[in-house]
Every structure is written in structure tokens, then in C-alpha cells.
């Protein structure tokens, strides 16, 4: 899939209900569910992951394996359509989203109870960025 196709697939999930550990658009999605479905459902992360409970190295290893399972490679620079962003909305919280352009993301918003399209929050530092390995990595 191209970055534009991934971004389009993510936008197609807007409005799906939020559900913790959700991996089915009919029932609900969490942030990793959005990322997985935008990438055609391919992701090697258990439905009952606990990223908050993992130590840095173990967490980083799990995230790297999930990224590889979707054909993603680490990237730098501004987000482009289809990129996966790992954001840090709180000190002990990680959140994943799919970029639709340099300023907007699709993500599962627990507070609003659904998948939304919105701006990348400046209050959520970027903790990781991955891009389709076939796309140019900057």
C-alpha cells in the first residue's frame, strides 16, 4: 500500500466507536486497531497489549516488531500521508495515529468515544515515526 492509500483507509475509519483493545470496526477500535486496519489488518500486536506496563527496552522491541510486521521503517522529518506516529499525550502514556498530511491525524479518541480526524496536538510530543519501507525515508 502507498502512504496515500493508508491515509485514505484511516480516514474511512472516522466515526467508528472507540473500544479499548478493539480490532474490529463493527465493534470498535483503539489506537492500534486504527493503525492495523489502515494497514490492511496486518499487525503483530496482541489484542491485550499493555504498553504502559512495559519497560523502555521491552516496549521499544514490541513497537519495532509491530512496525516491521506492517512493512514500516523508522523515519525522520515531518509526517507524510500514511505515516504511523507514536505520540506521548501524558508522562506514562503512548498513543498511535495515522498521518493524513503534515498537520492532521486519524486516531481513536477515548474521550470522544470514536475514531476522529484532527490536528496533531502540539501538547503530544512525537515519540516515534514510521513510514512504509517502500516509500522514501527522510
N, C-alpha and C. Protein backbone atom coordinates (compact mmCIF):
# COMPACT_ATOMS: atom_id res chain seq x y z
N UNK A 1 0.85 -1.19 0.00
CA UNK A 1 0.00 0.00 0.00
C UNK A 1 0.89 1.25 0.00
N UNK A 2 0.41 2.28 -0.66
CA UNK A 2 1.12 3.55 -0.63
C UNK A 2 0.69 4.34 0.60
N UNK A 3 1.45 5.37 0.92
CA UNK A 3 1.07 6.24 2.04
C UNK A 3 -0.29 6.87 1.83
N UNK A 4 -0.60 7.28 0.60
CA UNK A 4 -1.92 7.88 0.33
C UNK A 4 -3.04 6.87 0.53
N UNK A 5 -2.80 5.61 0.15
CA UNK A 5 -3.82 4.57 0.35
C UNK A 5 -4.03 4.29 1.84
N UNK A 6 -2.95 4.29 2.60
CA UNK A 6 -3.06 4.07 4.05
C UNK A 6 -3.83 5.23 4.69
N UNK A 7 -3.51 6.46 4.30
CA UNK A 7 -4.21 7.62 4.84
C UNK A 7 -5.70 7.57 4.48
N UNK A 8 -6.01 7.18 3.25
CA UNK A 8 -7.41 7.07 2.84
C UNK A 8 -8.14 6.00 3.64
N UNK A 9 -7.46 4.87 3.86
CA UNK A 9 -8.06 3.79 4.66
C UNK A 9 -8.32 4.27 6.09
N UNK A 10 -7.38 5.02 6.65
CA UNK A 10 -7.56 5.57 8.00
C UNK A 10 -8.74 6.53 8.04
N UNK A 11 -8.84 7.41 7.04
CA UNK A 11 -9.97 8.35 7.01
C UNK A 11 -11.30 7.61 6.91
N UNK A 12 -11.30 6.44 6.28
CA UNK A 12 -12.51 5.63 6.19
C UNK A 12 -12.96 5.07 7.53
N UNK A 13 -12.11 5.14 8.54
CA UNK A 13 -12.45 4.65 9.88
C UNK A 13 -13.02 5.73 10.79
N UNK A 14 -13.00 6.98 10.34
CA UNK A 14 -13.52 8.08 11.15
C UNK A 14 -14.98 7.81 11.49
N UNK A 15 -15.30 7.94 12.77
CA UNK A 15 -16.66 7.70 13.24
C UNK A 15 -16.86 6.34 13.88
N UNK A 16 -15.93 5.39 13.65
CA UNK A 16 -16.02 4.07 14.27
C UNK A 16 -15.92 4.26 15.79
N UNK A 17 -16.72 3.54 16.57
CA UNK A 17 -16.66 3.70 18.03
C UNK A 17 -15.29 3.34 18.61
N UNK A 18 -14.94 4.01 19.72
CA UNK A 18 -13.74 3.66 20.46
C UNK A 18 -14.03 2.42 21.31
N UNK A 19 -13.08 1.51 21.33
CA UNK A 19 -13.17 0.35 22.22
C UNK A 19 -11.75 -0.06 22.58
N UNK A 20 -11.44 -0.08 23.87
CA UNK A 20 -10.12 -0.48 24.32
C UNK A 20 -9.80 -1.88 23.80
N UNK A 21 -8.63 -2.06 23.22
CA UNK A 21 -8.17 -3.30 22.60
C UNK A 21 -9.01 -3.69 21.39
N UNK A 22 -9.79 -2.77 20.86
CA UNK A 22 -10.65 -3.05 19.72
C UNK A 22 -9.88 -3.24 18.43
N UNK A 23 -10.25 -4.31 17.69
CA UNK A 23 -9.61 -4.61 16.41
C UNK A 23 -10.64 -4.85 15.31
N UNK A 24 -11.91 -4.58 15.58
CA UNK A 24 -12.99 -4.85 14.62
C UNK A 24 -13.81 -3.57 14.46
N UNK A 25 -13.85 -3.05 13.23
CA UNK A 25 -14.56 -1.78 13.01
C UNK A 25 -16.05 -1.86 13.35
N UNK A 26 -16.64 -3.07 13.34
CA UNK A 26 -18.06 -3.20 13.67
C UNK A 26 -18.30 -3.06 15.17
N UNK A 27 -17.28 -3.37 15.98
CA UNK A 27 -17.42 -3.33 17.43
C UNK A 27 -16.74 -2.10 18.02
N UNK A 28 -15.58 -1.75 17.48
CA UNK A 28 -14.85 -0.59 17.96
C UNK A 28 -13.35 -0.79 17.84
N UNK A 29 -12.62 0.32 17.89
CA UNK A 29 -11.17 0.31 17.70
C UNK A 29 -10.48 1.16 18.76
N UNK A 30 -9.27 0.75 19.11
CA UNK A 30 -8.40 1.63 19.88
C UNK A 30 -7.33 2.15 18.92
N UNK A 31 -6.32 2.83 19.44
CA UNK A 31 -5.36 3.46 18.54
C UNK A 31 -4.59 2.44 17.70
N UNK A 32 -4.21 1.31 18.27
CA UNK A 32 -3.52 0.30 17.47
C UNK A 32 -4.46 -0.40 16.50
N UNK A 33 -5.73 -0.49 16.85
CA UNK A 33 -6.71 -1.03 15.93
C UNK A 33 -6.84 -0.16 14.69
N UNK A 34 -6.82 1.16 14.87
CA UNK A 34 -6.87 2.09 13.74
C UNK A 34 -5.65 1.89 12.85
N UNK A 35 -4.48 1.84 13.46
CA UNK A 35 -3.24 1.65 12.69
C UNK A 35 -3.28 0.33 11.93
N UNK A 36 -3.68 -0.73 12.61
CA UNK A 36 -3.71 -2.06 11.99
C UNK A 36 -4.66 -2.09 10.80
N UNK A 37 -5.88 -1.59 10.98
CA UNK A 37 -6.85 -1.64 9.87
C UNK A 37 -6.45 -0.72 8.72
N UNK A 38 -5.85 0.42 9.03
CA UNK A 38 -5.40 1.31 7.95
C UNK A 38 -4.32 0.63 7.11
N UNK A 39 -3.61 -0.33 7.71
CA UNK A 39 -2.57 -1.07 7.01
C UNK A 39 -3.07 -2.43 6.55
N UNK A 40 -4.34 -2.56 6.35
CA UNK A 40 -4.89 -3.80 5.81
C UNK A 40 -5.05 -4.91 6.83
N UNK A 41 -4.98 -4.59 8.11
CA UNK A 41 -5.18 -5.59 9.16
C UNK A 41 -3.95 -6.34 9.58
N UNK A 42 -2.81 -6.04 8.98
CA UNK A 42 -1.57 -6.75 9.31
C UNK A 42 -0.85 -6.07 10.45
N UNK A 43 -0.80 -6.72 11.60
CA UNK A 43 -0.04 -6.19 12.73
C UNK A 43 0.15 -7.29 13.74
N UNK A 44 1.37 -7.45 14.20
CA UNK A 44 1.67 -8.47 15.20
C UNK A 44 1.72 -7.86 16.60
N UNK A 45 0.58 -7.43 17.11
CA UNK A 45 0.48 -6.93 18.47
C UNK A 45 -0.73 -7.61 19.09
N UNK A 46 -0.56 -8.27 20.23
CA UNK A 46 -1.70 -8.94 20.85
C UNK A 46 -2.79 -7.94 21.22
N UNK A 47 -4.03 -8.38 21.16
CA UNK A 47 -5.16 -7.50 21.48
C UNK A 47 -5.08 -7.00 22.91
N UNK A 48 -4.40 -7.72 23.78
CA UNK A 48 -4.34 -7.33 25.19
C UNK A 48 -2.99 -6.74 25.57
N UNK A 49 -2.35 -6.02 24.64
CA UNK A 49 -1.07 -5.40 24.93
C UNK A 49 -1.21 -4.45 26.13
N UNK A 50 -0.10 -4.22 26.80
CA UNK A 50 -0.06 -3.26 27.92
C UNK A 50 1.23 -2.45 27.79
N UNK A 51 1.25 -1.54 26.82
CA UNK A 51 2.46 -0.76 26.57
C UNK A 51 2.88 0.03 27.79
N UNK A 52 1.92 0.55 28.56
CA UNK A 52 2.26 1.34 29.74
C UNK A 52 3.03 0.53 30.77
N UNK A 53 2.74 -0.76 30.86
CA UNK A 53 3.35 -1.60 31.88
C UNK A 53 4.73 -2.09 31.48
N UNK A 54 5.10 -1.94 30.23
CA UNK A 54 6.39 -2.45 29.76
C UNK A 54 7.51 -1.45 30.01
N UNK A 55 8.69 -1.97 30.28
CA UNK A 55 9.88 -1.13 30.43
C UNK A 55 10.31 -0.65 29.05
N UNK A 56 11.14 0.39 29.02
CA UNK A 56 11.56 1.02 27.77
C UNK A 56 12.04 0.06 26.70
N UNK A 57 13.02 -0.82 27.00
CA UNK A 57 13.57 -1.73 26.01
C UNK A 57 12.56 -2.74 25.52
N UNK A 58 11.78 -3.31 26.45
CA UNK A 58 10.76 -4.29 26.08
C UNK A 58 9.67 -3.63 25.24
N UNK A 59 9.25 -2.44 25.63
CA UNK A 59 8.24 -1.70 24.89
C UNK A 59 8.75 -1.36 23.49
N UNK A 60 9.98 -0.84 23.42
CA UNK A 60 10.55 -0.46 22.12
C UNK A 60 10.66 -1.67 21.20
N UNK A 61 11.00 -2.82 21.75
CA UNK A 61 11.10 -4.05 20.97
C UNK A 61 9.74 -4.47 20.43
N UNK A 62 8.70 -4.38 21.25
CA UNK A 62 7.35 -4.73 20.82
C UNK A 62 6.87 -3.78 19.72
N UNK A 63 7.11 -2.48 19.90
CA UNK A 63 6.69 -1.49 18.90
C UNK A 63 7.45 -1.71 17.60
N UNK A 64 8.76 -1.96 17.68
CA UNK A 64 9.55 -2.19 16.47
C UNK A 64 9.07 -3.43 15.72
N UNK A 65 8.74 -4.50 16.44
CA UNK A 65 8.24 -5.72 15.80
C UNK A 65 6.91 -5.47 15.11
N UNK A 66 6.03 -4.72 15.77
CA UNK A 66 4.73 -4.39 15.17
C UNK A 66 4.92 -3.56 13.90
N UNK A 67 5.83 -2.60 13.95
CA UNK A 67 6.10 -1.76 12.77
C UNK A 67 6.63 -2.61 11.62
N UNK A 68 7.57 -3.50 11.91
CA UNK A 68 8.12 -4.37 10.85
C UNK A 68 7.03 -5.27 10.26
N UNK A 69 6.11 -5.74 11.10
CA UNK A 69 5.06 -6.64 10.61
C UNK A 69 4.14 -5.94 9.61
N UNK A 70 4.12 -4.61 9.63
CA UNK A 70 3.31 -3.85 8.69
C UNK A 70 4.15 -3.28 7.55
N UNK A 71 5.42 -3.66 7.47
CA UNK A 71 6.28 -3.16 6.41
C UNK A 71 6.73 -1.73 6.63
N UNK A 72 6.82 -1.31 7.90
CA UNK A 72 7.21 0.05 8.23
C UNK A 72 8.66 0.11 8.66
N UNK A 73 9.28 1.25 8.40
CA UNK A 73 10.65 1.50 8.83
C UNK A 73 10.69 2.84 9.56
N UNK A 74 11.61 3.01 10.50
CA UNK A 74 11.73 4.30 11.19
C UNK A 74 11.98 5.42 10.18
N UNK A 75 11.43 6.59 10.46
CA UNK A 75 11.58 7.74 9.57
C UNK A 75 11.84 9.00 10.40
N UNK A 76 12.31 10.03 9.73
CA UNK A 76 12.56 11.32 10.36
C UNK A 76 11.85 12.40 9.56
N UNK A 77 11.78 13.58 10.13
CA UNK A 77 11.21 14.71 9.43
C UNK A 77 9.72 14.83 9.66
N UNK A 78 9.08 15.72 8.93
CA UNK A 78 7.64 15.91 9.09
C UNK A 78 6.87 14.69 8.60
N UNK A 79 5.71 14.47 9.20
CA UNK A 79 4.84 13.36 8.81
C UNK A 79 4.33 13.55 7.39
N UNK A 80 4.20 12.44 6.67
CA UNK A 80 3.59 12.43 5.34
C UNK A 80 2.42 11.45 5.39
N UNK A 81 1.50 11.52 4.42
CA UNK A 81 0.34 10.63 4.46
C UNK A 81 0.74 9.16 4.61
N UNK A 82 0.06 8.50 5.54
CA UNK A 82 0.28 7.09 5.79
C UNK A 82 1.28 6.79 6.89
N UNK A 83 2.02 7.79 7.35
CA UNK A 83 2.98 7.56 8.43
C UNK A 83 2.25 7.16 9.71
N UNK A 84 2.92 6.34 10.52
CA UNK A 84 2.42 5.99 11.84
C UNK A 84 3.20 6.82 12.85
N UNK A 85 2.46 7.54 13.68
CA UNK A 85 3.07 8.37 14.71
C UNK A 85 2.84 7.75 16.07
N UNK A 86 3.88 7.70 16.89
CA UNK A 86 3.74 7.33 18.29
C UNK A 86 3.88 8.64 19.07
N UNK A 87 2.80 9.01 19.73
CA UNK A 87 2.73 10.27 20.46
C UNK A 87 2.73 10.00 21.96
N UNK A 88 3.09 11.00 22.72
CA UNK A 88 3.14 10.88 24.17
C UNK A 88 2.22 11.94 24.79
N UNK A 89 0.89 11.63 24.88
CA UNK A 89 -0.04 12.61 25.44
C UNK A 89 0.10 12.83 26.94
N UNK A 90 0.76 11.90 27.63
CA UNK A 90 1.00 12.03 29.06
C UNK A 90 2.31 11.36 29.41
N UNK A 91 2.77 11.60 30.63
CA UNK A 91 4.08 11.09 31.07
C UNK A 91 4.19 9.58 30.91
N UNK A 92 3.14 8.85 31.19
CA UNK A 92 3.18 7.38 31.13
C UNK A 92 2.22 6.85 30.08
N UNK A 93 1.99 7.62 29.04
CA UNK A 93 1.00 7.21 28.04
C UNK A 93 1.58 7.33 26.64
N UNK A 94 1.36 6.30 25.84
CA UNK A 94 1.71 6.32 24.42
C UNK A 94 0.42 6.21 23.62
N UNK A 95 0.39 6.87 22.47
CA UNK A 95 -0.80 6.87 21.64
C UNK A 95 -0.35 6.82 20.19
N UNK A 96 -1.02 6.00 19.38
CA UNK A 96 -0.65 5.83 17.99
C UNK A 96 -1.70 6.45 17.08
N UNK A 97 -1.23 6.96 15.94
CA UNK A 97 -2.12 7.61 14.98
C UNK A 97 -1.56 7.44 13.58
N UNK A 98 -2.40 7.67 12.59
CA UNK A 98 -2.01 7.62 11.19
C UNK A 98 -2.08 9.04 10.63
N UNK A 99 -1.00 9.50 10.03
CA UNK A 99 -0.97 10.84 9.43
C UNK A 99 -1.75 10.85 8.13
N UNK A 100 -2.55 11.90 7.93
CA UNK A 100 -3.20 12.09 6.64
C UNK A 100 -2.52 13.21 5.86
N UNK A 101 -1.78 14.05 6.56
CA UNK A 101 -0.91 15.07 5.97
C UNK A 101 0.03 15.55 7.08
N UNK A 102 0.75 16.62 6.85
CA UNK A 102 1.75 17.08 7.83
C UNK A 102 1.14 17.57 9.14
N UNK A 103 -0.13 17.93 9.12
CA UNK A 103 -0.74 18.55 10.30
C UNK A 103 -1.90 17.77 10.90
N UNK A 104 -2.41 16.75 10.20
CA UNK A 104 -3.61 16.06 10.69
C UNK A 104 -3.39 14.56 10.79
N UNK A 105 -4.10 13.97 11.76
CA UNK A 105 -4.01 12.54 12.02
C UNK A 105 -5.40 11.94 12.18
N UNK A 106 -5.47 10.64 11.99
CA UNK A 106 -6.65 9.85 12.36
C UNK A 106 -6.23 9.02 13.55
N UNK A 107 -7.05 9.05 14.61
CA UNK A 107 -6.73 8.27 15.81
C UNK A 107 -8.01 7.97 16.58
N UNK A 108 -7.91 6.98 17.45
CA UNK A 108 -9.03 6.60 18.31
C UNK A 108 -9.01 7.49 19.54
N UNK A 109 -10.04 8.28 19.70
CA UNK A 109 -10.11 9.26 20.80
C UNK A 109 -11.02 8.71 21.90
N UNK A 110 -10.42 8.25 22.99
CA UNK A 110 -11.19 7.65 24.08
C UNK A 110 -12.19 8.64 24.68
N UNK A 111 -11.78 9.89 24.84
CA UNK A 111 -12.65 10.90 25.44
C UNK A 111 -13.89 11.19 24.61
N UNK A 112 -13.74 11.18 23.29
CA UNK A 112 -14.88 11.43 22.41
C UNK A 112 -15.62 10.15 22.07
N UNK A 113 -14.99 9.01 22.35
CA UNK A 113 -15.64 7.72 22.14
C UNK A 113 -15.71 7.26 20.70
N UNK A 114 -14.79 7.77 19.85
CA UNK A 114 -14.82 7.36 18.44
C UNK A 114 -13.48 7.69 17.77
N UNK A 115 -13.32 7.17 16.58
CA UNK A 115 -12.16 7.49 15.76
C UNK A 115 -12.40 8.86 15.13
N UNK A 116 -11.38 9.72 15.19
CA UNK A 116 -11.54 11.09 14.72
C UNK A 116 -10.40 11.47 13.77
N UNK A 117 -10.66 12.50 12.98
CA UNK A 117 -9.66 13.16 12.14
C UNK A 117 -9.46 14.53 12.76
N UNK A 118 -8.22 14.87 13.08
CA UNK A 118 -7.98 16.16 13.70
C UNK A 118 -6.52 16.57 13.62
N UNK A 119 -6.21 17.73 14.18
CA UNK A 119 -4.84 18.22 14.13
C UNK A 119 -3.92 17.41 15.05
N UNK A 120 -2.65 17.41 14.70
CA UNK A 120 -1.64 16.83 15.59
C UNK A 120 -1.47 17.81 16.75
N UNK A 121 -1.72 17.36 17.95
CA UNK A 121 -1.63 18.23 19.12
C UNK A 121 -0.19 18.58 19.43
N UNK A 122 0.07 19.86 19.60
CA UNK A 122 1.41 20.30 19.99
C UNK A 122 1.72 19.87 21.42
N UNK A 123 0.70 19.50 22.19
CA UNK A 123 0.89 19.05 23.57
C UNK A 123 1.27 17.57 23.64
N UNK A 124 1.31 16.89 22.51
CA UNK A 124 1.63 15.46 22.46
C UNK A 124 2.97 15.30 21.73
N UNK A 125 4.07 15.24 22.47
CA UNK A 125 5.38 15.10 21.80
C UNK A 125 5.46 13.83 20.95
N UNK A 126 6.17 13.94 19.86
CA UNK A 126 6.38 12.80 18.97
C UNK A 126 7.43 11.88 19.59
N UNK A 127 7.07 10.62 19.81
CA UNK A 127 7.99 9.65 20.41
C UNK A 127 8.50 8.64 19.37
N UNK A 128 7.91 8.62 18.19
CA UNK A 128 8.34 7.72 17.13
C UNK A 128 7.58 7.99 15.85
N UNK A 129 8.20 7.68 14.73
CA UNK A 129 7.59 7.90 13.42
C UNK A 129 8.06 6.78 12.50
N UNK A 130 7.10 6.15 11.83
CA UNK A 130 7.41 5.05 10.90
C UNK A 130 6.71 5.32 9.57
N UNK A 131 7.34 4.82 8.51
CA UNK A 131 6.84 5.04 7.15
C UNK A 131 6.94 3.72 6.38
N UNK A 132 6.09 3.56 5.38
CA UNK A 132 6.17 2.38 4.51
C UNK A 132 7.60 2.26 4.01
N UNK A 133 8.16 1.07 4.15
CA UNK A 133 9.56 0.86 3.77
C UNK A 133 9.80 1.10 2.29
N UNK A 134 8.77 0.95 1.45
CA UNK A 134 8.95 1.16 0.02
C UNK A 134 8.92 2.65 -0.34
N UNK A 135 8.40 3.50 0.56
CA UNK A 135 8.40 4.94 0.33
C UNK A 135 9.76 5.50 0.72
N UNK A 136 10.17 6.63 0.16
CA UNK A 136 11.47 7.21 0.53
C UNK A 136 11.48 7.57 2.01
N UNK A 137 12.54 7.22 2.69
CA UNK A 137 12.71 7.56 4.11
C UNK A 137 13.61 8.77 4.19
N UNK A 138 13.12 9.78 4.90
CA UNK A 138 13.93 11.01 5.01
C UNK A 138 14.62 11.07 6.34
